[in-house]
Protein backbone atom coordinates (compact mmCIF):
# COMPACT_ATOMS: atom_id res chain seq x y z
CA MET A 1 10.02 -28.40 -3.73
CA LYS A 2 7.24 -25.80 -3.75
CA THR A 3 7.33 -22.73 -1.52
CA LYS A 4 5.10 -23.10 1.53
CA SER A 5 2.84 -20.42 2.97
CA LEU A 6 0.78 -19.72 6.04
CA VAL A 7 -2.56 -18.09 5.34
CA TYR A 8 -3.95 -16.02 8.23
CA ILE A 9 -7.72 -15.49 8.27
CA THR A 10 -10.06 -14.06 10.88
CA VAL A 11 -13.71 -15.03 11.26
CA PRO A 12 -16.43 -13.96 13.71
CA ASP A 13 -16.90 -17.24 15.60
CA ARG A 14 -15.74 -20.81 16.19
CA ASP A 15 -18.50 -22.42 14.11
CA THR A 16 -17.56 -20.36 11.06
CA ALA A 17 -13.88 -21.16 11.64
CA LEU A 18 -14.49 -24.90 11.87
CA LYS A 19 -16.75 -24.91 8.83
CA LEU A 20 -14.12 -23.08 6.77
CA ALA A 21 -11.27 -25.23 8.14
CA HIS A 22 -13.05 -28.46 7.21
CA SER A 23 -14.09 -27.29 3.76
CA VAL A 24 -10.66 -25.86 2.83
CA VAL A 25 -8.78 -28.98 3.94
CA ARG A 26 -11.36 -31.28 2.33
CA ALA A 27 -10.99 -29.33 -0.93
CA GLY A 28 -7.22 -29.90 -0.82
CA LEU A 29 -6.42 -26.19 -0.69
CA ALA A 30 -4.40 -26.60 2.52
CA ALA A 31 -2.81 -29.47 4.39
CA CYS A 32 -4.26 -28.41 7.72
CA ALA A 33 -5.78 -25.55 9.66
CA ASN A 34 -5.32 -24.22 13.17
CA VAL A 35 -8.37 -22.71 14.82
CA ILE A 36 -7.36 -20.21 17.51
CA PRO A 37 -10.28 -18.82 19.55
CA GLY A 38 -10.36 -15.85 21.87
CA MET A 39 -8.79 -13.07 19.79
CA THR A 40 -9.93 -9.45 20.05
CA SER A 41 -9.48 -7.14 17.07
CA VAL A 42 -9.46 -3.34 17.35
CA TYR A 43 -9.82 -1.51 14.06
CA GLU A 44 -11.41 1.43 12.33
CA TRP A 45 -14.21 0.68 9.87
CA GLN A 46 -16.54 3.12 8.17
CA GLY A 47 -15.39 5.98 10.39
CA ALA A 48 -15.89 4.20 13.71
CA LEU A 49 -13.43 2.52 16.05
CA ARG A 50 -14.54 -1.06 16.58
CA GLU A 51 -13.63 -3.87 18.92
CA GLU A 52 -14.71 -7.39 17.96
CA ASN A 53 -14.13 -10.87 19.30
CA GLU A 54 -12.87 -13.09 16.50
CA VAL A 55 -11.33 -16.47 15.82
CA VAL A 56 -8.07 -16.89 13.90
CA LEU A 57 -7.54 -19.54 11.25
CA VAL A 58 -4.02 -20.40 10.12
CA PHE A 59 -3.78 -22.62 7.06
CA LYS A 60 -0.62 -24.42 5.94
CA THR A 61 -0.44 -24.58 2.16
CA THR A 62 1.75 -24.03 -0.88
CA GLU A 63 2.30 -20.67 -2.52
CA GLU A 64 0.61 -21.96 -5.67
CA MET A 65 -2.65 -22.48 -3.77
CA ILE A 66 -2.94 -18.98 -2.28
CA SER A 67 -5.17 -17.53 -5.01
CA ASP A 68 -7.49 -20.55 -5.02
CA LEU A 69 -7.66 -20.64 -1.22
CA THR A 70 -8.34 -16.89 -1.04
CA ALA A 71 -11.16 -17.10 -3.59
CA PHE A 72 -12.62 -20.17 -1.85
CA VAL A 73 -12.66 -18.40 1.53
CA ALA A 74 -13.98 -15.11 0.11
CA ALA A 75 -16.95 -16.94 -1.42
CA ARG A 76 -17.85 -18.49 1.97
CA HIS A 77 -16.80 -15.79 4.46
CA PRO A 78 -19.57 -13.80 6.22
CA SER A 79 -17.67 -10.50 5.86
CA ASP A 80 -17.68 -8.28 2.76
CA ASN A 81 -13.97 -7.59 3.30
CA PRO A 82 -12.43 -10.65 4.99
CA CYS A 83 -8.94 -10.60 6.44
CA VAL A 84 -6.94 -13.08 4.34
CA LEU A 85 -3.16 -12.64 4.50
CA ALA A 86 -0.57 -14.99 3.02
CA LEU A 87 2.83 -15.20 4.67
CA PRO A 88 5.77 -17.03 3.07
CA VAL A 89 7.46 -19.80 5.04
CA SER A 90 11.25 -19.48 4.87
CA GLY A 91 12.15 -22.69 6.69
CA GLY A 92 11.16 -25.32 9.19
CA SER A 93 11.08 -29.06 9.63
CA GLN A 94 11.85 -30.59 6.24
CA LYS A 95 9.58 -33.56 6.91
CA PHE A 96 6.69 -31.28 7.88
CA LEU A 97 7.20 -29.08 4.80
CA GLU A 98 7.19 -32.20 2.61
CA TRP A 99 3.98 -33.36 4.31
CA ILE A 100 2.27 -30.04 3.51
CA GLU A 101 3.21 -30.38 -0.14
CA SER A 102 2.09 -34.00 -0.34
CA GLU A 103 -1.27 -33.28 1.28
CA VAL A 104 -2.10 -30.31 -0.93
CA LYS A 105 -0.86 -32.05 -4.09
CA ASP A 106 -2.56 -35.38 -3.39
CA ARG A 107 -5.95 -33.85 -2.74
CA ARG A 108 -5.89 -31.62 -5.80
CA GLY A 109 -5.39 -34.66 -7.94
């Protein structure tokens, strides 16, 4: 069984999040996506402290797909330096983990 991962991404708005979620899942790069609105980020960028409303995307995928998913998102993300972080999954529902693998594998052909 392949190692599973969660990929955490932030985007500026719900429309961007939904567009990315649909295109990533349709491309078979992830089994599913969660779109979580209403997040506020505080960070320093180009010498200034910033506060931005953002939307979080969490993709469920396999470790083998992280590079492809990251490149796919980077090519479509409105930011020059998008937040894309992959986190390994160390356990969980066996049936759900198997579903992730089958969805990613089946769609990649």
